[in-house]
Amino acid sequence: MPDPLLISVIVPCRNERQHIDAFCNSAISQVLPEGWQMEVLVADGDSDDGTRQRLQERCASDPRLVLVDNPGRIVSTGLNACIARARGAIIARLDVHSQFAPDYLAQCIAALSRTGADNVGGPWVARGTGRTGAAVAAAFQCRWVVGGARSRDVQFEGAVDTVYLGCWPRGVFERYGPFDEALVRNQDDEHNLRLRLAGARIWQSRLIRSTYHPRNSLRHLFSQQRQYGYWRPFVMRKHGQPGALRQLV
């Protein structure tokens, strides 16, 4: 039986030794509503840079942190492995490369309660460092690169096609299924599309605030977006949906 006052944070990662400590510190510093507790499940995809060893040390010193094995190494298998271990009535996804407002999880809980939506999240805001980082962040904010104009509007509040990361009542995964492990990328887009086609609601709240810090590498940006572009047709074909012009571009 899920704990009604426990929020389970799920995080896939692989080879993030440089960022894992900062992420863990940020996650466990979240200020939750009175009576609420949290667990942070980190799915490590066979890291070989010391990430796993550092996670083991962190988990040993803080029972809120839980190391989960992800032998599949991809995001979807990591998310599903965390969901299978999660004990909370609410499940929220976080990202190792993002910085979260102290009340991020509290606002997710409030938005779910206020709207009755099946998935809630905040706007996508990217910020880089240096010239290259700034250029990469600008590309991430460009609707022709990643689409979804409303998800780039930090003031928008309302129903959307998708949100950054996401936070769900546990029952959503029981009703609509987990993430599609056949997809290396775009697993969140496919899951949100699956929800919408079934009549579920996805809600963006401007009060759910985070900042994504992309890697300072144009090569990585190109590789990542090429993968998104490659896997997007598989999502649309699975559900018999046409692609938008910006996605084709």
C-alpha atoms as a PDB file:
ATOM      1  CA  MET A   1       0.000   0.000   0.000  1.00  0.00           C
ATOM      2  CA  PRO A   2       1.583   3.336  -1.051  1.00  0.00           C
ATOM      3  CA  ASP A   3       2.340   5.818   1.711  1.00  0.00           C
ATOM      4  CA  PRO A   4      -0.128   8.731   1.218  1.00  0.00           C
ATOM      5  CA  LEU A   5       2.319  11.274   2.680  1.00  0.00           C
ATOM      6  CA  LEU A   6       5.446  10.079   0.878  1.00  0.00           C
ATOM      7  CA  ILE A   7       6.678  11.496  -2.419  1.00  0.00           C
ATOM      8  CA  SER A   8       9.039   9.235  -4.363  1.00  0.00           C
ATOM      9  CA  VAL A   9      11.615  11.037  -6.480  1.00  0.00           C
ATOM     10  CA  ILE A  10      12.899   9.028  -9.459  1.00  0.00           C
ATOM     11  CA  VAL A  11      16.158   9.853 -11.220  1.00  0.00           C
ATOM     12  CA  PRO A  12      17.990   7.960 -13.981  1.00  0.00           C
ATOM     13  CA  CYS A  13      21.708   8.623 -14.349  1.00  0.00           C
ATOM     14  CA  ARG A  14      24.892   7.245 -15.864  1.00  0.00           C
ATOM     15  CA  ASN A  15      28.432   8.598 -15.523  1.00  0.00           C
ATOM     16  CA  GLU A  16      27.470  11.742 -13.613  1.00  0.00           C
ATOM     17  CA  ARG A  17      30.254  11.782 -11.010  1.00  0.00           C
ATOM     18  CA  GLN A  18      30.834  15.492 -11.559  1.00  0.00           C
ATOM     19  CA  HIS A  19      27.211  16.374 -10.783  1.00  0.00           C
ATOM     20  CA  ILE A  20      25.847  13.672  -8.480  1.00  0.00           C
ATOM     21  CA  ASP A  21      26.815  15.304  -5.169  1.00  0.00           C
ATOM     22  CA  ALA A  22      25.271  18.647  -6.087  1.00  0.00           C
ATOM     23  CA  PHE A  23      22.116  16.882  -7.202  1.00  0.00           C
ATOM     24  CA  CYS A  24      21.816  14.818  -4.015  1.00  0.00           C
ATOM     25  CA  ASN A  25      22.340  17.923  -1.888  1.00  0.00           C
ATOM     26  CA  SER A  26      19.664  19.791  -3.832  1.00  0.00           C
ATOM     27  CA  ALA A  27      17.174  16.930  -3.703  1.00  0.00           C
ATOM     28  CA  ILE A  28      17.361  16.272   0.026  1.00  0.00           C
ATOM     29  CA  SER A  29      17.127  20.017   0.730  1.00  0.00           C
ATOM     30  CA  GLN A  30      13.593  20.211  -0.657  1.00  0.00           C
ATOM     31  CA  VAL A  31      11.118  21.829   1.760  1.00  0.00           C
ATOM     32  CA  LEU A  32       8.038  19.602   1.872  1.00  0.00           C
ATOM     33  CA  PRO A  33       4.539  20.345   3.185  1.00  0.00           C
ATOM     34  CA  GLU A  34       3.996  19.575   6.857  1.00  0.00           C
ATOM     35  CA  GLY A  35       3.737  15.848   7.496  1.00  0.00           C
ATOM     36  CA  TRP A  36       5.254  14.838   4.152  1.00  0.00           C
ATOM     37  CA  GLN A  37       8.409  12.792   3.678  1.00  0.00           C
ATOM     38  CA  MET A  38      10.470  11.897   0.635  1.00  0.00           C
ATOM     39  CA  GLU A  39      12.643   9.179  -0.824  1.00  0.00           C
ATOM     40  CA  VAL A  40      15.054   9.725  -3.703  1.00  0.00           C
ATOM     41  CA  LEU A  41      15.580   6.690  -5.926  1.00  0.00           C
ATOM     42  CA  VAL A  42      18.558   7.028  -8.262  1.00  0.00           C
ATOM     43  CA  ALA A  43      18.826   4.435 -11.041  1.00  0.00           C
ATOM     44  CA  ASP A  44      22.459   4.030 -12.011  1.00  0.00           C
ATOM     45  CA  GLY A  45      23.047   2.650 -15.496  1.00  0.00           C
ATOM     46  CA  ASP A  46      26.320   0.804 -14.846  1.00  0.00           C
ATOM     47  CA  SER A  47      28.405   3.963 -14.446  1.00  0.00           C
ATOM     48  CA  ASP A  48      32.141   3.504 -14.886  1.00  0.00           C
ATOM     49  CA  ASP A  49      33.336   6.939 -13.732  1.00  0.00           C
ATOM     50  CA  GLY A  50      32.857   6.545  -9.980  1.00  0.00           C
ATOM     51  CA  THR A  51      29.224   7.676  -9.893  1.00  0.00           C
ATOM     52  CA  ARG A  52      27.980   4.393  -8.497  1.00  0.00           C
ATOM     53  CA  GLN A  53      30.584   4.281  -5.740  1.00  0.00           C
ATOM     54  CA  ARG A  54      29.758   7.834  -4.708  1.00  0.00           C
ATOM     55  CA  LEU A  55      26.050   7.034  -4.695  1.00  0.00           C
ATOM     56  CA  GLN A  56      26.697   4.058  -2.446  1.00  0.00           C
ATOM     57  CA  GLU A  57      28.489   6.346  -0.004  1.00  0.00           C
ATOM     58  CA  ARG A  58      25.690   8.898  -0.070  1.00  0.00           C
ATOM     59  CA  CYS A  59      22.993   6.264   0.392  1.00  0.00           C
ATOM     60  CA  ALA A  60      24.850   4.791   3.369  1.00  0.00           C
ATOM     61  CA  SER A  61      24.824   8.192   5.088  1.00  0.00           C
ATOM     62  CA  ASP A  62      21.223   9.210   4.314  1.00  0.00           C
ATOM     63  CA  PRO A  63      18.348   6.683   4.295  1.00  0.00           C
ATOM     64  CA  ARG A  64      16.296   8.957   2.045  1.00  0.00           C
ATOM     65  CA  LEU A  65      18.669   8.164  -0.816  1.00  0.00           C
ATOM     66  CA  VAL A  66      18.201   4.781  -2.498  1.00  0.00           C
ATOM     67  CA  LEU A  67      20.452   3.290  -5.189  1.00  0.00           C
ATOM     68  CA  VAL A  68      18.563   1.325  -7.856  1.00  0.00           C
ATOM     69  CA  ASP A  69      20.227  -0.870 -10.480  1.00  0.00           C
ATOM     70  CA  ASN A  70      19.557  -0.032 -14.124  1.00  0.00           C
ATOM     71  CA  PRO A  71      21.267  -2.717 -16.225  1.00  0.00           C
ATOM     72  CA  GLY A  72      19.336  -1.514 -19.276  1.00  0.00           C
ATOM     73  CA  ARG A  73      21.349   1.735 -19.090  1.00  0.00           C
ATOM     74  CA  ILE A  74      18.716   3.864 -20.852  1.00  0.00           C
ATOM     75  CA  VAL A  75      16.362   6.425 -19.318  1.00  0.00           C
ATOM     76  CA  SER A  76      13.139   4.463 -19.712  1.00  0.00           C
ATOM     77  CA  THR A  77      14.480   1.332 -17.995  1.00  0.00           C
ATOM     78  CA  GLY A  78      15.909   3.459 -15.205  1.00  0.00           C
ATOM     79  CA  LEU A  79      12.630   5.284 -14.622  1.00  0.00           C
ATOM     80  CA  ASN A  80      10.670   2.039 -14.568  1.00  0.00           C
ATOM     81  CA  ALA A  81      13.130   0.420 -12.170  1.00  0.00           C
ATOM     82  CA  CYS A  82      12.630   3.345  -9.797  1.00  0.00           C
ATOM     83  CA  ILE A  83       8.840   3.244 -10.126  1.00  0.00           C
ATOM     84  CA  ALA A  84       8.858  -0.453  -9.261  1.00  0.00           C
ATOM     85  CA  ARG A  85      10.751   0.333  -6.035  1.00  0.00           C
ATOM     86  CA  ALA A  86       8.859   3.516  -5.152  1.00  0.00           C
ATOM     87  CA  ARG A  87       6.768   3.498  -1.965  1.00  0.00           C
ATOM     88  CA  GLY A  88       5.071   6.878  -2.287  1.00  0.00           C
ATOM     89  CA  ALA A  89       1.567   7.797  -3.411  1.00  0.00           C
ATOM     90  CA  ILE A  90       3.113  10.534  -5.575  1.00  0.00           C
ATOM     91  CA  ILE A  91       6.024  10.024  -7.967  1.00  0.00           C
ATOM     92  CA  ALA A  92       8.140  12.926  -9.229  1.00  0.00           C
ATOM     93  CA  ARG A  93      10.951  12.823 -11.742  1.00  0.00           C
ATOM     94  CA  LEU A  94      14.043  14.965 -11.204  1.00  0.00           C
ATOM     95  CA  ASP A  95      17.165  15.376 -13.335  1.00  0.00           C
ATOM     96  CA  VAL A  96      20.828  15.390 -12.352  1.00  0.00           C
ATOM     97  CA  HIS A  97      21.522  18.389 -14.609  1.00  0.00           C
ATOM     98  CA  SER A  98      18.756  20.579 -13.189  1.00  0.00           C
ATOM     99  CA  GLN A  99      18.615  22.968 -10.262  1.00  0.00           C
ATOM    100  CA  PHE A 100      15.317  23.032  -8.390  1.00  0.00           C
ATOM    101  CA  ALA A 101      13.592  25.714  -6.348  1.00  0.00           C
ATOM    102  CA  PRO A 102      13.440  24.700  -2.656  1.00  0.00           C
ATOM    103  CA  ASP A 103       9.661  24.311  -2.917  1.00  0.00           C
ATOM    104  CA  TYR A 104       9.698  22.431  -6.238  1.00  0.00           C
ATOM    105  CA  LEU A 105       8.229  19.205  -4.858  1.00  0.00           C
ATOM    106  CA  ALA A 106       5.826  21.080  -2.579  1.00  0.00           C
ATOM    107  CA  GLN A 107       4.466  22.964  -5.596  1.00  0.00           C
ATOM    108  CA  CYS A 108       4.105  19.689  -7.512  1.00  0.00           C
ATOM    109  CA  ILE A 109       2.062  18.234  -4.656  1.00  0.00           C
ATOM    110  CA  ALA A 110      -0.050  21.400  -4.490  1.00  0.00           C
ATOM    111  CA  ALA A 111      -0.656  21.446  -8.258  1.00  0.00           C
ATOM    112  CA  LEU A 112      -1.825  17.830  -8.280  1.00  0.00           C
ATOM    113  CA  SER A 113      -4.233  18.570  -5.438  1.00  0.00           C
ATOM    114  CA  ARG A 114      -5.446  21.864  -6.926  1.00  0.00           C
ATOM    115  CA  THR A 115      -6.001  20.692 -10.510  1.00  0.00           C
ATOM    116  CA  GLY A 116      -6.717  16.980 -10.238  1.00  0.00           C
ATOM    117  CA  ALA A 117      -4.394  16.519 -13.230  1.00  0.00           C
ATOM    118  CA  ASP A 118      -2.667  13.243 -14.034  1.00  0.00           C
ATOM    119  CA  ASN A 119       0.748  14.815 -14.621  1.00  0.00           C
ATOM    120  CA  VAL A 120       2.033  18.221 -13.542  1.00  0.00           C
ATOM    121  CA  GLY A 121       5.254  20.090 -14.102  1.00  0.00           C
ATOM    122  CA  GLY A 122       6.780  23.482 -14.669  1.00  0.00           C
ATOM    123  CA  PRO A 123       8.137  25.380 -17.663  1.00  0.00           C
ATOM    124  CA  TRP A 124      11.415  24.389 -19.284  1.00  0.00           C
ATOM    125  CA  VAL A 125      14.151  26.942 -18.534  1.00  0.00           C
ATOM    126  CA  ALA A 126      17.725  26.294 -19.700  1.00  0.00           C
ATOM    127  CA  ARG A 127      20.786  28.231 -18.554  1.00  0.00           C
ATOM    128  CA  GLY A 128      24.387  27.653 -19.590  1.00  0.00           C
ATOM    129  CA  THR A 129      27.783  28.982 -18.547  1.00  0.00           C
ATOM    130  CA  GLY A 130      30.308  30.579 -20.874  1.00  0.00           C
ATOM    131  CA  ARG A 131      29.796  31.240 -24.573  1.00  0.00           C
ATOM    132  CA  THR A 132      29.316  27.622 -25.545  1.00  0.00           C
ATOM    133  CA  GLY A 133      27.002  26.924 -22.629  1.00  0.00           C
ATOM    134  CA  ALA A 134      24.942  30.001 -23.409  1.00  0.00           C
ATOM    135  CA  ALA A 135      24.645  28.913 -27.046  1.00  0.00           C
ATOM    136  CA  VAL A 136      23.568  25.402 -26.049  1.00  0.00           C
ATOM    137  CA  ALA A 137      21.015  26.807 -23.589  1.00  0.00           C
ATOM    138  CA  ALA A 138      19.655  29.143 -26.268  1.00  0.00           C
ATOM    139  CA  ALA A 139      19.230  26.172 -28.594  1.00  0.00           C
ATOM    140  CA  PHE A 140      17.334  24.264 -25.907  1.00  0.00           C
ATOM    141  CA  GLN A 141      15.013  27.248 -25.464  1.00  0.00           C
ATOM    142  CA  CYS A 142      14.346  27.500 -29.204  1.00  0.00           C
ATOM    143  CA  ARG A 143      10.948  26.061 -30.160  1.00  0.00           C
ATOM    144  CA  TRP A 144      12.329  24.895 -33.518  1.00  0.00           C
ATOM    145  CA  VAL A 145      14.893  22.753 -31.711  1.00  0.00           C
ATOM    146  CA  VAL A 146      12.757  21.213 -28.988  1.00  0.00           C
ATOM    147  CA  GLY A 147       9.257  22.487 -29.729  1.00  0.00           C
ATOM    148  CA  GLY A 148       6.397  23.046 -27.324  1.00  0.00           C
ATOM    149  CA  ALA A 149       5.934  26.825 -27.199  1.00  0.00           C
ATOM    150  CA  ARG A 150       3.863  26.735 -24.028  1.00  0.00           C
ATOM    151  CA  SER A 151       6.513  24.765 -22.183  1.00  0.00           C
ATOM    152  CA  ARG A 152       8.916  27.676 -22.839  1.00  0.00           C
ATOM    153  CA  ASP A 153       6.495  30.285 -21.443  1.00  0.00           C
ATOM    154  CA  VAL A 154       7.417  30.694 -17.772  1.00  0.00           C
ATOM    155  CA  GLN A 155       4.148  32.522 -17.061  1.00  0.00           C
ATOM    156  CA  PHE A 156       1.808  30.009 -18.675  1.00  0.00           C
ATOM    157  CA  GLU A 157      -0.536  28.099 -16.392  1.00  0.00           C
ATOM    158  CA  GLY A 158      -2.886  25.528 -17.848  1.00  0.00           C
ATOM    159  CA  ALA A 159      -3.335  22.338 -19.826  1.00  0.00           C
ATOM    160  CA  VAL A 160      -0.409  21.350 -22.071  1.00  0.00           C
ATOM    161  CA  ASP A 161       0.704  18.464 -24.284  1.00  0.00           C
ATOM    162  CA  THR A 162       3.800  17.791 -22.194  1.00  0.00           C
ATOM    163  CA  VAL A 163       5.750  19.171 -19.242  1.00  0.00           C
ATOM    164  CA  TYR A 164       9.379  19.147 -18.200  1.00  0.00           C
ATOM    165  CA  LEU A 165      10.134  16.025 -16.121  1.00  0.00           C
ATOM    166  CA  GLY A 166       6.685  15.442 -14.553  1.00  0.00           C
ATOM    167  CA  CYS A 167       4.973  14.490 -11.304  1.00  0.00           C
ATOM    168  CA  TRP A 168       2.199  11.908 -11.149  1.00  0.00           C
ATOM    169  CA  PRO A 169      -0.173  10.226  -8.733  1.00  0.00           C
ATOM    170  CA  ARG A 170       1.074   6.663  -8.491  1.00  0.00           C
ATOM    171  CA  GLY A 171      -2.195   5.375  -9.945  1.00  0.00           C
ATOM    172  CA  VAL A 172      -1.347   6.932 -13.315  1.00  0.00           C
ATOM    173  CA  PHE A 173       1.278   4.252 -13.938  1.00  0.00           C
ATOM    174  CA  GLU A 174      -1.091   1.540 -12.766  1.00  0.00           C
ATOM    175  CA  ARG A 175      -3.818   2.738 -15.157  1.00  0.00           C
ATOM    176  CA  TYR A 176      -1.781   3.743 -18.209  1.00  0.00           C
ATOM    177  CA  GLY A 177       1.387   1.701 -17.832  1.00  0.00           C
ATOM    178  CA  PRO A 178       5.075   2.579 -17.316  1.00  0.00           C
ATOM    179  CA  PHE A 179       7.490   4.180 -19.760  1.00  0.00           C
ATOM    180  CA  ASP A 180       8.083   2.367 -23.053  1.00  0.00           C
ATOM    181  CA  GLU A 181      11.425   0.588 -22.737  1.00  0.00           C
ATOM    182  CA  ALA A 182      11.641   0.116 -26.502  1.00  0.00           C
ATOM    183  CA  LEU A 183      12.413   3.842 -26.768  1.00  0.00           C
ATOM    184  CA  VAL A 184      15.954   5.052 -26.135  1.00  0.00           C
ATOM    185  CA  ARG A 185      14.727   8.669 -26.304  1.00  0.00           C
ATOM    186  CA  ASN A 186      11.347  10.426 -26.299  1.00  0.00           C
ATOM    187  CA  GLN A 187       9.947   8.082 -23.647  1.00  0.00           C
ATOM    188  CA  ASP A 188       8.389  11.040 -21.812  1.00  0.00           C
ATOM    189  CA  ASP A 189       6.739  12.342 -24.997  1.00  0.00           C
ATOM    190  CA  GLU A 190       5.282   8.908 -25.691  1.00  0.00           C
ATOM    191  CA  HIS A 191       3.991   8.516 -22.147  1.00  0.00           C
ATOM    192  CA  ASN A 192       2.352  11.949 -22.194  1.00  0.00           C
ATOM    193  CA  LEU A 193       0.806  11.228 -25.592  1.00  0.00           C
ATOM    194  CA  ARG A 194      -0.506   7.929 -24.257  1.00  0.00           C
ATOM    195  CA  LEU A 195      -2.084   9.768 -21.323  1.00  0.00           C
ATOM    196  CA  ARG A 196      -3.717  12.412 -23.519  1.00  0.00           C
ATOM    197  CA  LEU A 197      -5.143   9.864 -25.950  1.00  0.00           C
ATOM    198  CA  ALA A 198      -6.717   8.093 -22.964  1.00  0.00           C
ATOM    199  CA  GLY A 199      -8.320  11.330 -21.756  1.00  0.00           C
ATOM    200  CA  ALA A 200      -5.843  12.154 -18.987  1.00  0.00           C
ATOM    201  CA  ARG A 201      -4.814  15.758 -18.254  1.00  0.00           C
ATOM    202  CA  ILE A 202      -1.329  17.270 -18.181  1.00  0.00           C
ATOM    203  CA  TRP A 203      -0.914  20.600 -16.402  1.00  0.00           C
ATOM    204  CA  GLN A 204       1.838  23.203 -16.365  1.00  0.00           C
ATOM    205  CA  SER A 205       2.186  25.410 -13.296  1.00  0.00           C
ATOM    206  CA  ARG A 206       4.366  28.520 -13.331  1.00  0.00           C
ATOM    207  CA  LEU A 207       4.982  27.945  -9.613  1.00  0.00           C
ATOM    208  CA  ILE A 208       6.928  24.722 -10.300  1.00  0.00           C
ATOM    209  CA  ARG A 209      10.371  26.204 -10.947  1.00  0.00           C
ATOM    210  CA  SER A 210      13.605  24.620 -12.099  1.00  0.00           C
ATOM    211  CA  THR A 211      16.572  25.423 -14.311  1.00  0.00           C
ATOM    212  CA  TYR A 212      18.198  22.922 -16.660  1.00  0.00           C
ATOM    213  CA  HIS A 213      21.971  23.167 -17.085  1.00  0.00           C
ATOM    214  CA  PRO A 214      22.948  21.510 -20.389  1.00  0.00           C
ATOM    215  CA  ARG A 215      26.443  20.202 -21.000  1.00  0.00           C
ATOM    216  CA  ASN A 216      28.750  22.826 -22.492  1.00  0.00           C
ATOM    217  CA  SER A 217      29.146  20.895 -25.727  1.00  0.00           C
ATOM    218  CA  LEU A 218      27.641  21.660 -29.123  1.00  0.00           C
ATOM    219  CA  ARG A 219      28.628  18.150 -30.192  1.00  0.00           C
ATOM    220  CA  HIS A 220      26.586  16.661 -27.338  1.00  0.00           C
ATOM    221  CA  LEU A 221      23.641  18.920 -28.206  1.00  0.00           C
ATOM    222  CA  PHE A 222      23.720  17.762 -31.825  1.00  0.00           C
ATOM    223  CA  SER A 223      24.002  14.103 -30.819  1.00  0.00           C
ATOM    224  CA  GLN A 224      21.176  14.385 -28.303  1.00  0.00           C
ATOM    225  CA  GLN A 225      18.805  16.185 -30.668  1.00  0.00           C
ATOM    226  CA  ARG A 226      19.656  13.766 -33.475  1.00  0.00           C
ATOM    227  CA  GLN A 227      18.564  10.922 -31.193  1.00  0.00           C
ATOM    228  CA  TYR A 228      15.339  12.745 -30.322  1.00  0.00           C
ATOM    229  CA  GLY A 229      14.687  13.282 -34.019  1.00  0.00           C
ATOM    230  CA  TYR A 230      15.410   9.630 -34.801  1.00  0.00           C
ATOM    231  CA  TRP A 231      13.059   8.255 -32.127  1.00  0.00           C
ATOM    232  CA  ARG A 232      10.217  10.748 -32.589  1.00  0.00           C
ATOM    233  CA  PRO A 233       8.735   8.931 -35.642  1.00  0.00           C
ATOM    234  CA  PHE A 234       8.575   5.702 -33.622  1.00  0.00           C
ATOM    235  CA  VAL A 235       6.414   7.486 -31.045  1.00  0.00           C
ATOM    236  CA  MET A 236       4.070   8.934 -33.654  1.00  0.00           C
ATOM    237  CA  ARG A 237       3.821   5.666 -35.598  1.00  0.00           C
ATOM    238  CA  LYS A 238       3.029   3.722 -32.423  1.00  0.00           C
ATOM    239  CA  HIS A 239      -0.015   5.912 -31.819  1.00  0.00           C
ATOM    240  CA  GLY A 240      -0.906   6.681 -35.436  1.00  0.00           C
ATOM    241  CA  GLN A 241      -0.220  10.399 -35.040  1.00  0.00           C
ATOM    242  CA  PRO A 242       1.166  12.789 -37.690  1.00  0.00           C
ATOM    243  CA  GLY A 243       4.327  14.727 -36.879  1.00  0.00           C
ATOM    244  CA  ALA A 244       4.273  18.514 -36.540  1.00  0.00           C
ATOM    245  CA  LEU A 245       6.188  20.695 -39.015  1.00  0.00           C
ATOM    246  CA  ARG A 246       8.659  21.874 -36.348  1.00  0.00           C
ATOM    247  CA  GLN A 247       9.451  18.245 -35.496  1.00  0.00           C
ATOM    248  CA  LEU A 248      10.145  17.437 -39.141  1.00  0.00           C
ATOM    249  CA  VAL A 249      12.439  20.462 -39.356  1.00  0.00           C
END
